[in-house]
Amino acid sequence: MVPPLGYSPEEVRALLAPLRNDFAVAVWNFQNPFSIGGIIRVAHSFLPREIVIIGEAPYYEKASMGMHKYEHLVTVPGEEAFLDHVAGRPLWSVEKDHATVGLWDVEAFPRDVVFVLGSERAGLPRSIIDRSEAVVGVPMFGVNHSYPVTVAAGIVMSEWARRKYRGR
């Protein structure tokens, strides 16, 4: 992939810095490198402040379509390091089975919110869910019990952006 306008990835990141939004996305070690790469690709479209990968999981760079070069990626070794990294910021889990609020019923997203996404098989650890200020469920209407995690991430970020940029 050729960097936009011939700029290096570092130059592109610097140009995007003032456009970054006041939320972050954290992805639990999915044990699915393609899903992590896909979330990086989707997240880039919404310009989060950072993308945190929890656990020493590799990700499939091709799935990010090169967007990993333009994002601020932070990898932390585990739960304790993650909680230290996001200390002071509101933690919101995206989890279908333990949801406390539907995405469309959220009154307002807090500034600097960190959306945490779990694996499609195991979800998030109960300890992360218990530390979350909110556990958001994404509405679904068919007989399927879940979305692919990349799709759920995109829906949540799209709703965040819709509310922030409405009327602009």
N, C-alpha and C. Protein backbone atom coordinates (compact mmCIF):
# COMPACT_ATOMS: atom_id res chain seq x y z
N MET A 1 0.85 -1.19 0.00
CA MET A 1 0.00 0.00 0.00
C MET A 1 0.88 1.24 0.00
N VAL A 2 0.53 2.19 -0.81
CA VAL A 2 1.27 3.45 -0.89
C VAL A 2 0.65 4.43 0.10
N PRO A 3 1.47 5.06 0.96
CA PRO A 3 0.90 6.03 1.90
C PRO A 3 0.16 7.14 1.16
N PRO A 4 -0.93 7.65 1.74
CA PRO A 4 -1.70 8.72 1.09
C PRO A 4 -0.82 9.91 0.74
N LEU A 5 -1.01 10.42 -0.45
CA LEU A 5 -0.32 11.62 -0.92
C LEU A 5 1.19 11.50 -0.86
N GLY A 6 1.72 10.27 -0.83
CA GLY A 6 3.16 10.09 -0.83
C GLY A 6 3.83 10.33 0.52
N TYR A 7 3.06 10.53 1.57
CA TYR A 7 3.63 10.75 2.90
C TYR A 7 4.00 9.41 3.55
N SER A 8 4.95 9.46 4.44
CA SER A 8 5.31 8.27 5.21
C SER A 8 4.22 7.99 6.25
N PRO A 9 4.16 6.77 6.77
CA PRO A 9 3.17 6.49 7.83
C PRO A 9 3.31 7.44 9.02
N GLU A 10 4.53 7.79 9.39
CA GLU A 10 4.74 8.71 10.51
C GLU A 10 4.14 10.08 10.21
N GLU A 11 4.33 10.55 8.97
CA GLU A 11 3.76 11.85 8.58
C GLU A 11 2.23 11.80 8.56
N VAL A 12 1.69 10.69 8.08
CA VAL A 12 0.23 10.54 8.05
C VAL A 12 -0.31 10.54 9.48
N ARG A 13 0.33 9.78 10.37
CA ARG A 13 -0.13 9.76 11.78
C ARG A 13 -0.09 11.16 12.38
N ALA A 14 0.95 11.93 12.08
CA ALA A 14 1.05 13.29 12.61
C ALA A 14 -0.06 14.18 12.04
N LEU A 15 -0.38 14.02 10.76
CA LEU A 15 -1.46 14.80 10.15
C LEU A 15 -2.83 14.42 10.72
N LEU A 16 -2.99 13.15 11.06
CA LEU A 16 -4.27 12.69 11.61
C LEU A 16 -4.43 13.01 13.09
N ALA A 17 -3.34 13.26 13.79
CA ALA A 17 -3.39 13.46 15.25
C ALA A 17 -4.43 14.48 15.70
N PRO A 18 -4.52 15.67 15.08
CA PRO A 18 -5.52 16.63 15.56
C PRO A 18 -6.96 16.22 15.23
N LEU A 19 -7.13 15.25 14.35
CA LEU A 19 -8.47 14.79 13.97
C LEU A 19 -8.95 13.62 14.81
N ARG A 20 -8.08 13.09 15.65
CA ARG A 20 -8.42 11.91 16.46
C ARG A 20 -9.57 12.21 17.40
N ASN A 21 -10.36 11.19 17.65
CA ASN A 21 -11.53 11.33 18.51
C ASN A 21 -11.24 10.90 19.94
N ASP A 22 -12.09 11.34 20.86
CA ASP A 22 -11.85 11.11 22.29
C ASP A 22 -12.46 9.79 22.77
N PHE A 23 -12.09 8.71 22.10
CA PHE A 23 -12.43 7.37 22.57
C PHE A 23 -11.30 6.44 22.16
N ALA A 24 -11.27 5.28 22.78
CA ALA A 24 -10.29 4.25 22.43
C ALA A 24 -11.02 2.93 22.26
N VAL A 25 -10.38 2.03 21.55
CA VAL A 25 -10.89 0.68 21.37
C VAL A 25 -9.86 -0.28 21.95
N ALA A 26 -10.32 -1.21 22.75
CA ALA A 26 -9.43 -2.24 23.29
C ALA A 26 -9.94 -3.60 22.84
N VAL A 27 -9.04 -4.43 22.36
CA VAL A 27 -9.42 -5.76 21.89
C VAL A 27 -8.73 -6.81 22.75
N TRP A 28 -9.53 -7.65 23.37
CA TRP A 28 -9.01 -8.74 24.17
C TRP A 28 -8.37 -9.75 23.23
N ASN A 29 -7.38 -10.45 23.71
CA ASN A 29 -6.68 -11.45 22.90
C ASN A 29 -7.69 -12.44 22.31
N PHE A 30 -8.06 -12.22 21.07
CA PHE A 30 -9.10 -13.00 20.42
C PHE A 30 -8.66 -14.41 20.05
N GLN A 31 -7.39 -14.61 19.95
CA GLN A 31 -6.86 -15.85 19.36
C GLN A 31 -7.40 -15.99 17.94
N ASN A 32 -7.67 -14.84 17.34
CA ASN A 32 -8.09 -14.79 15.95
C ASN A 32 -7.42 -13.57 15.32
N PRO A 33 -6.21 -13.77 14.78
CA PRO A 33 -5.46 -12.64 14.23
C PRO A 33 -6.22 -11.86 13.16
N PHE A 34 -7.10 -12.53 12.41
CA PHE A 34 -7.86 -11.83 11.37
C PHE A 34 -8.83 -10.83 11.99
N SER A 35 -9.48 -11.20 13.09
CA SER A 35 -10.43 -10.28 13.74
C SER A 35 -9.73 -9.04 14.27
N ILE A 36 -8.56 -9.21 14.85
CA ILE A 36 -7.82 -8.04 15.36
C ILE A 36 -7.47 -7.11 14.20
N GLY A 37 -6.97 -7.68 13.11
CA GLY A 37 -6.66 -6.85 11.94
C GLY A 37 -7.89 -6.16 11.39
N GLY A 38 -9.01 -6.87 11.36
CA GLY A 38 -10.26 -6.28 10.89
C GLY A 38 -10.73 -5.13 11.76
N ILE A 39 -10.59 -5.27 13.06
CA ILE A 39 -10.98 -4.18 13.96
C ILE A 39 -10.08 -2.97 13.77
N ILE A 40 -8.80 -3.19 13.55
CA ILE A 40 -7.89 -2.07 13.27
C ILE A 40 -8.35 -1.34 12.02
N ARG A 41 -8.71 -2.09 10.99
CA ARG A 41 -9.19 -1.47 9.74
C ARG A 41 -10.45 -0.65 9.97
N VAL A 42 -11.42 -1.24 10.65
CA VAL A 42 -12.69 -0.54 10.91
C VAL A 42 -12.46 0.68 11.80
N ALA A 43 -11.68 0.50 12.85
CA ALA A 43 -11.43 1.61 13.79
C ALA A 43 -10.79 2.79 13.10
N HIS A 44 -9.91 2.53 12.15
CA HIS A 44 -9.25 3.64 11.45
C HIS A 44 -10.27 4.60 10.83
N SER A 45 -11.38 4.07 10.37
CA SER A 45 -12.41 4.93 9.76
C SER A 45 -13.03 5.90 10.75
N PHE A 46 -12.87 5.63 12.05
CA PHE A 46 -13.45 6.49 13.09
C PHE A 46 -12.38 7.24 13.88
N LEU A 47 -11.11 7.02 13.56
CA LEU A 47 -9.97 7.72 14.17
C LEU A 47 -10.01 7.76 15.70
N PRO A 48 -9.98 6.60 16.34
CA PRO A 48 -9.90 6.60 17.80
C PRO A 48 -8.55 7.14 18.25
N ARG A 49 -8.50 7.56 19.49
CA ARG A 49 -7.23 8.03 20.06
C ARG A 49 -6.18 6.93 20.00
N GLU A 50 -6.61 5.70 20.33
CA GLU A 50 -5.69 4.56 20.29
C GLU A 50 -6.48 3.27 20.19
N ILE A 51 -5.75 2.23 19.80
CA ILE A 51 -6.28 0.87 19.78
C ILE A 51 -5.37 0.06 20.68
N VAL A 52 -5.95 -0.53 21.72
CA VAL A 52 -5.17 -1.30 22.68
C VAL A 52 -5.41 -2.78 22.43
N ILE A 53 -4.35 -3.52 22.24
CA ILE A 53 -4.43 -4.97 22.09
C ILE A 53 -4.01 -5.58 23.42
N ILE A 54 -4.91 -6.30 24.04
CA ILE A 54 -4.66 -6.89 25.36
C ILE A 54 -4.20 -8.33 25.16
N GLY A 55 -2.96 -8.60 25.53
CA GLY A 55 -2.39 -9.93 25.35
C GLY A 55 -1.41 -9.93 24.20
N GLU A 56 -0.54 -10.87 24.25
CA GLU A 56 0.53 -10.97 23.25
C GLU A 56 0.03 -11.68 22.00
N ALA A 57 -1.04 -11.20 21.44
CA ALA A 57 -1.63 -11.83 20.27
C ALA A 57 -1.10 -11.19 18.99
N PRO A 58 -0.68 -12.00 18.04
CA PRO A 58 -0.34 -11.43 16.74
C PRO A 58 -1.63 -11.03 16.03
N TYR A 59 -1.50 -10.16 15.05
CA TYR A 59 -2.68 -9.85 14.24
C TYR A 59 -2.27 -9.92 12.78
N TYR A 60 -3.23 -10.16 11.96
CA TYR A 60 -3.02 -10.34 10.54
C TYR A 60 -3.03 -8.96 9.89
N GLU A 61 -1.84 -8.47 9.54
CA GLU A 61 -1.73 -7.11 9.00
C GLU A 61 -2.55 -6.93 7.73
N LYS A 62 -2.63 -7.96 6.90
CA LYS A 62 -3.42 -7.84 5.67
C LYS A 62 -4.88 -7.54 5.97
N ALA A 63 -5.39 -8.07 7.08
CA ALA A 63 -6.79 -7.82 7.44
C ALA A 63 -7.01 -6.36 7.79
N SER A 64 -5.96 -5.66 8.21
CA SER A 64 -6.10 -4.24 8.53
C SER A 64 -6.00 -3.37 7.27
N MET A 65 -5.75 -3.99 6.13
CA MET A 65 -5.61 -3.28 4.85
C MET A 65 -4.59 -2.14 4.95
N GLY A 66 -3.55 -2.37 5.75
CA GLY A 66 -2.49 -1.37 5.89
C GLY A 66 -2.78 -0.28 6.91
N MET A 67 -3.97 -0.27 7.47
CA MET A 67 -4.34 0.81 8.39
C MET A 67 -3.57 0.75 9.71
N HIS A 68 -2.98 -0.40 10.03
CA HIS A 68 -2.16 -0.50 11.24
C HIS A 68 -1.01 0.50 11.20
N LYS A 69 -0.58 0.88 10.02
CA LYS A 69 0.53 1.84 9.88
C LYS A 69 0.14 3.24 10.33
N TYR A 70 -1.15 3.54 10.30
CA TYR A 70 -1.61 4.90 10.57
C TYR A 70 -2.28 5.05 11.93
N GLU A 71 -2.36 3.96 12.67
CA GLU A 71 -3.02 3.99 13.97
C GLU A 71 -2.01 3.96 15.11
N HIS A 72 -2.45 4.47 16.25
CA HIS A 72 -1.64 4.40 17.47
C HIS A 72 -2.03 3.09 18.15
N LEU A 73 -1.21 2.05 17.93
CA LEU A 73 -1.47 0.73 18.50
C LEU A 73 -0.65 0.57 19.77
N VAL A 74 -1.30 0.11 20.81
CA VAL A 74 -0.64 -0.16 22.09
C VAL A 74 -0.91 -1.61 22.43
N THR A 75 0.13 -2.37 22.71
CA THR A 75 -0.04 -3.75 23.15
C THR A 75 0.35 -3.84 24.61
N VAL A 76 -0.54 -4.40 25.41
CA VAL A 76 -0.26 -4.62 26.84
C VAL A 76 -0.31 -6.12 27.09
N PRO A 77 0.52 -6.62 28.01
CA PRO A 77 0.62 -8.07 28.17
C PRO A 77 -0.59 -8.77 28.77
N GLY A 78 -1.41 -8.04 29.52
CA GLY A 78 -2.55 -8.70 30.14
C GLY A 78 -3.47 -7.72 30.83
N GLU A 79 -4.37 -8.27 31.62
CA GLU A 79 -5.43 -7.49 32.24
C GLU A 79 -4.90 -6.40 33.16
N GLU A 80 -3.97 -6.73 34.03
CA GLU A 80 -3.46 -5.73 34.98
C GLU A 80 -2.80 -4.56 34.26
N ALA A 81 -1.98 -4.87 33.26
CA ALA A 81 -1.33 -3.80 32.49
C ALA A 81 -2.36 -2.97 31.73
N PHE A 82 -3.40 -3.62 31.22
CA PHE A 82 -4.46 -2.90 30.53
C PHE A 82 -5.15 -1.93 31.48
N LEU A 83 -5.54 -2.41 32.65
CA LEU A 83 -6.23 -1.56 33.61
C LEU A 83 -5.35 -0.40 34.05
N ASP A 84 -4.06 -0.63 34.21
CA ASP A 84 -3.13 0.47 34.52
C ASP A 84 -3.10 1.48 33.38
N HIS A 85 -3.06 0.98 32.15
CA HIS A 85 -2.97 1.85 30.97
C HIS A 85 -4.20 2.75 30.82
N VAL A 86 -5.37 2.23 31.12
CA VAL A 86 -6.61 3.01 30.92
C VAL A 86 -7.12 3.63 32.22
N ALA A 87 -6.34 3.58 33.26
CA ALA A 87 -6.77 4.11 34.57
C ALA A 87 -7.29 5.54 34.42
N GLY A 88 -8.44 5.80 35.05
CA GLY A 88 -9.04 7.13 35.02
C GLY A 88 -9.98 7.35 33.85
N ARG A 89 -10.01 6.43 32.91
CA ARG A 89 -10.92 6.56 31.78
C ARG A 89 -12.11 5.62 31.96
N PRO A 90 -13.29 6.00 31.48
CA PRO A 90 -14.45 5.13 31.60
C PRO A 90 -14.29 3.88 30.73
N LEU A 91 -14.50 2.74 31.33
CA LEU A 91 -14.38 1.45 30.65
C LEU A 91 -15.79 0.94 30.33
N TRP A 92 -16.06 0.72 29.05
CA TRP A 92 -17.35 0.20 28.62
C TRP A 92 -17.12 -1.08 27.83
N SER A 93 -17.63 -2.17 28.34
CA SER A 93 -17.51 -3.45 27.64
C SER A 93 -18.62 -3.57 26.60
N VAL A 94 -18.29 -4.20 25.50
CA VAL A 94 -19.28 -4.53 24.47
C VAL A 94 -19.45 -6.04 24.56
N GLU A 95 -20.59 -6.47 25.10
CA GLU A 95 -20.77 -7.88 25.45
C GLU A 95 -22.24 -8.22 25.43
N LYS A 96 -22.62 -9.16 24.63
CA LYS A 96 -24.04 -9.46 24.44
C LYS A 96 -24.69 -10.17 25.62
N ASP A 97 -23.96 -11.06 26.27
CA ASP A 97 -24.58 -11.89 27.31
C ASP A 97 -24.73 -11.21 28.66
N HIS A 98 -23.98 -10.14 28.89
CA HIS A 98 -24.03 -9.47 30.19
C HIS A 98 -24.42 -8.00 30.06
N ALA A 99 -25.06 -7.65 28.97
CA ALA A 99 -25.38 -6.24 28.70
C ALA A 99 -26.26 -5.64 29.79
N THR A 100 -25.91 -4.43 30.18
CA THR A 100 -26.71 -3.67 31.14
C THR A 100 -27.49 -2.56 30.45
N VAL A 101 -27.11 -2.26 29.19
CA VAL A 101 -27.79 -1.22 28.43
C VAL A 101 -27.65 -1.56 26.94
N GLY A 102 -28.73 -1.33 26.20
CA GLY A 102 -28.67 -1.48 24.76
C GLY A 102 -27.97 -0.28 24.14
N LEU A 103 -27.26 -0.50 23.06
CA LEU A 103 -26.50 0.57 22.41
C LEU A 103 -27.38 1.78 22.11
N TRP A 104 -28.60 1.55 21.64
CA TRP A 104 -29.47 2.67 21.28
C TRP A 104 -30.08 3.34 22.50
N ASP A 105 -29.97 2.72 23.66
CA ASP A 105 -30.52 3.29 24.89
C ASP A 105 -29.49 4.08 25.70
N VAL A 106 -28.26 4.09 25.24
CA VAL A 106 -27.22 4.86 25.93
C VAL A 106 -27.59 6.33 25.85
N GLU A 107 -27.64 7.00 26.99
CA GLU A 107 -28.00 8.42 26.99
C GLU A 107 -26.88 9.27 26.40
N ALA A 108 -25.66 9.00 26.79
CA ALA A 108 -24.50 9.73 26.26
C ALA A 108 -23.25 8.91 26.52
N PHE A 109 -22.33 8.97 25.58
CA PHE A 109 -21.05 8.30 25.78
C PHE A 109 -20.13 9.25 26.53
N PRO A 110 -19.45 8.77 27.55
CA PRO A 110 -18.55 9.66 28.29
C PRO A 110 -17.30 9.99 27.47
N ARG A 111 -16.76 11.14 27.75
CA ARG A 111 -15.50 11.56 27.12
C ARG A 111 -14.42 10.55 27.49
N ASP A 112 -13.56 10.23 26.54
CA ASP A 112 -12.43 9.31 26.73
C ASP A 112 -12.85 7.88 27.01
N VAL A 113 -14.05 7.49 26.62
CA VAL A 113 -14.52 6.13 26.84
C VAL A 113 -13.59 5.13 26.14
N VAL A 114 -13.40 4.00 26.78
CA VAL A 114 -12.65 2.89 26.20
C VAL A 114 -13.64 1.75 25.97
N PHE A 115 -13.88 1.43 24.70
CA PHE A 115 -14.75 0.31 24.35
C PHE A 115 -13.91 -0.96 24.32
N VAL A 116 -14.29 -1.95 25.13
CA VAL A 116 -13.54 -3.21 25.21
C VAL A 116 -14.34 -4.31 24.53
N LEU A 117 -13.69 -4.99 23.60
CA LEU A 117 -14.34 -6.07 22.86
C LEU A 117 -13.64 -7.39 23.16
N GLY A 118 -14.44 -8.44 23.33
CA GLY A 118 -13.90 -9.76 23.64
C GLY A 118 -13.90 -10.68 22.45
N SER A 119 -13.49 -11.89 22.69
CA SER A 119 -13.45 -12.87 21.61
C SER A 119 -14.86 -13.34 21.27
N GLU A 120 -15.03 -13.80 20.04
CA GLU A 120 -16.34 -14.28 19.61
C GLU A 120 -16.73 -15.55 20.36
N ARG A 121 -15.77 -16.34 20.74
CA ARG A 121 -16.06 -17.59 21.45
C ARG A 121 -16.31 -17.38 22.94
N ALA A 122 -15.40 -16.66 23.59
CA ALA A 122 -15.43 -16.58 25.06
C ALA A 122 -15.89 -15.24 25.60
N GLY A 123 -16.08 -14.26 24.75
CA GLY A 123 -16.46 -12.93 25.24
C GLY A 123 -15.33 -12.30 26.01
N LEU A 124 -15.68 -11.58 27.06
CA LEU A 124 -14.70 -10.91 27.92
C LEU A 124 -14.62 -11.62 29.26
N PRO A 125 -13.47 -11.52 29.92
CA PRO A 125 -13.38 -12.09 31.27
C PRO A 125 -14.37 -11.38 32.21
N ARG A 126 -14.93 -12.12 33.12
CA ARG A 126 -15.89 -11.56 34.07
C ARG A 126 -15.28 -10.40 34.84
N SER A 127 -13.99 -10.47 35.14
CA SER A 127 -13.32 -9.39 35.89
C SER A 127 -13.35 -8.07 35.13
N ILE A 128 -13.25 -8.10 33.82
CA ILE A 128 -13.33 -6.87 33.01
C ILE A 128 -14.77 -6.37 33.00
N ILE A 129 -15.71 -7.27 32.82
CA ILE A 129 -17.12 -6.88 32.82
C ILE A 129 -17.47 -6.21 34.15
N ASP A 130 -17.02 -6.80 35.25
CA ASP A 130 -17.34 -6.26 36.57
C ASP A 130 -16.72 -4.89 36.82
N ARG A 131 -15.61 -4.58 36.16
CA ARG A 131 -14.95 -3.28 36.34
C ARG A 131 -15.48 -2.22 35.38
N SER A 132 -16.35 -2.60 34.48
CA SER A 132 -16.87 -1.68 33.47
C SER A 132 -17.97 -0.80 34.04
N GLU A 133 -17.97 0.46 33.63
CA GLU A 133 -19.04 1.37 34.02
C GLU A 133 -20.35 1.00 33.34
N ALA A 134 -20.24 0.43 32.15
CA ALA A 134 -21.42 -0.03 31.41
C ALA A 134 -21.02 -1.24 30.58
N VAL A 135 -22.00 -2.10 30.34
CA VAL A 135 -21.82 -3.23 29.44
C VAL A 135 -22.88 -3.07 28.36
N VAL A 136 -22.42 -2.79 27.16
CA VAL A 136 -23.30 -2.41 26.06
C VAL A 136 -23.62 -3.62 25.19
N GLY A 137 -24.89 -3.78 24.90
CA GLY A 137 -25.33 -4.81 23.97
C GLY A 137 -25.73 -4.17 22.65
N VAL A 138 -25.35 -4.81 21.56
CA VAL A 138 -25.69 -4.31 20.23
C VAL A 138 -26.99 -4.99 19.79
N PRO A 139 -28.01 -4.20 19.40
CA PRO A 139 -29.29 -4.79 19.01
C PRO A 139 -29.14 -5.75 17.83
N MET A 140 -29.89 -6.83 17.87
CA MET A 140 -29.95 -7.76 16.74
C MET A 140 -31.35 -8.33 16.67
N PHE A 141 -31.76 -8.71 15.47
CA PHE A 141 -33.16 -9.07 15.27
C PHE A 141 -33.38 -10.44 14.66
N GLY A 142 -32.36 -11.09 14.19
CA GLY A 142 -32.53 -12.40 13.58
C GLY A 142 -32.36 -13.52 14.59
N VAL A 143 -32.26 -14.73 14.10
CA VAL A 143 -32.09 -15.88 14.98
C VAL A 143 -30.63 -16.12 15.35
N ASN A 144 -29.73 -15.46 14.65
CA ASN A 144 -28.31 -15.59 14.97
C ASN A 144 -28.06 -14.99 16.34
N HIS A 145 -27.22 -15.62 17.12
CA HIS A 145 -27.00 -15.19 18.50
C HIS A 145 -25.91 -14.12 18.65
N SER A 146 -25.16 -13.86 17.58
CA SER A 146 -24.08 -12.89 17.73
C SER A 146 -23.65 -12.33 16.39
N TYR A 147 -22.99 -11.17 16.47
CA TYR A 147 -22.34 -10.58 15.30
C TYR A 147 -20.88 -11.01 15.29
N PRO A 148 -20.24 -10.99 14.13
CA PRO A 148 -18.79 -11.08 14.14
C PRO A 148 -18.26 -9.88 14.94
N VAL A 149 -17.21 -10.08 15.71
CA VAL A 149 -16.73 -9.02 16.60
C VAL A 149 -16.33 -7.76 15.82
N THR A 150 -15.83 -7.93 14.62
CA THR A 150 -15.46 -6.77 13.81
C THR A 150 -16.71 -5.96 13.46
N VAL A 151 -17.80 -6.62 13.16
CA VAL A 151 -19.06 -5.94 12.84
C VAL A 151 -19.58 -5.22 14.08
N ALA A 152 -19.58 -5.90 15.23
CA ALA A 152 -20.03 -5.26 16.48
C ALA A 152 -19.21 -4.02 16.78
N ALA A 153 -17.90 -4.11 16.59
CA ALA A 153 -17.03 -2.95 16.83
C ALA A 153 -17.43 -1.79 15.92
N GLY A 154 -17.67 -2.09 14.64
CA GLY A 154 -18.06 -1.05 13.71
C GLY A 154 -19.40 -0.41 14.06
N ILE A 155 -20.35 -1.22 14.51
CA ILE A 155 -21.66 -0.68 14.89
C ILE A 155 -21.51 0.27 16.08
N VAL A 156 -20.74 -0.13 17.08
CA VAL A 156 -20.56 0.70 18.27
C VAL A 156 -19.85 2.01 17.90
N MET A 157 -18.78 1.93 17.12
CA MET A 157 -18.06 3.15 16.75
C MET A 157 -18.91 4.05 15.86
N SER A 158 -19.73 3.45 15.00
CA SER A 158 -20.61 4.23 14.15
C SER A 158 -21.65 4.98 14.98
N GLU A 159 -22.19 4.32 16.00
CA GLU A 159 -23.17 4.99 16.86
C GLU A 159 -22.50 6.12 17.65
N TRP A 160 -21.28 5.88 18.12
CA TRP A 160 -20.53 6.93 18.83
C TRP A 160 -20.36 8.14 17.89
N ALA A 161 -19.92 7.88 16.65
CA ALA A 161 -19.67 8.96 15.70
C ALA A 161 -20.97 9.65 15.28
N ARG A 162 -22.03 8.89 15.10
CA ARG A 162 -23.32 9.48 14.71
C ARG A 162 -23.76 10.51 15.73
N ARG A 163 -23.60 10.17 16.99
CA ARG A 163 -24.01 11.10 18.04
C ARG A 163 -23.09 12.32 18.11
N LYS A 164 -21.80 12.10 17.95
CA LYS A 164 -20.86 13.22 18.05
C LYS A 164 -21.01 14.18 16.88
N TYR A 165 -21.16 13.64 15.68
CA TYR A 165 -21.12 14.46 14.48
C TYR A 165 -22.50 14.77 13.90
N ARG A 166 -23.56 14.43 14.61
CA ARG A 166 -24.92 14.70 14.12
C ARG A 166 -25.07 16.18 13.80
N GLY A 167 -25.62 16.46 12.64
CA GLY A 167 -25.89 17.85 12.27
C GLY A 167 -24.70 18.61 11.72
N ARG A 168 -23.58 17.95 11.59
CA ARG A 168 -22.40 18.66 11.06
C ARG A 168 -22.24 18.42 9.59
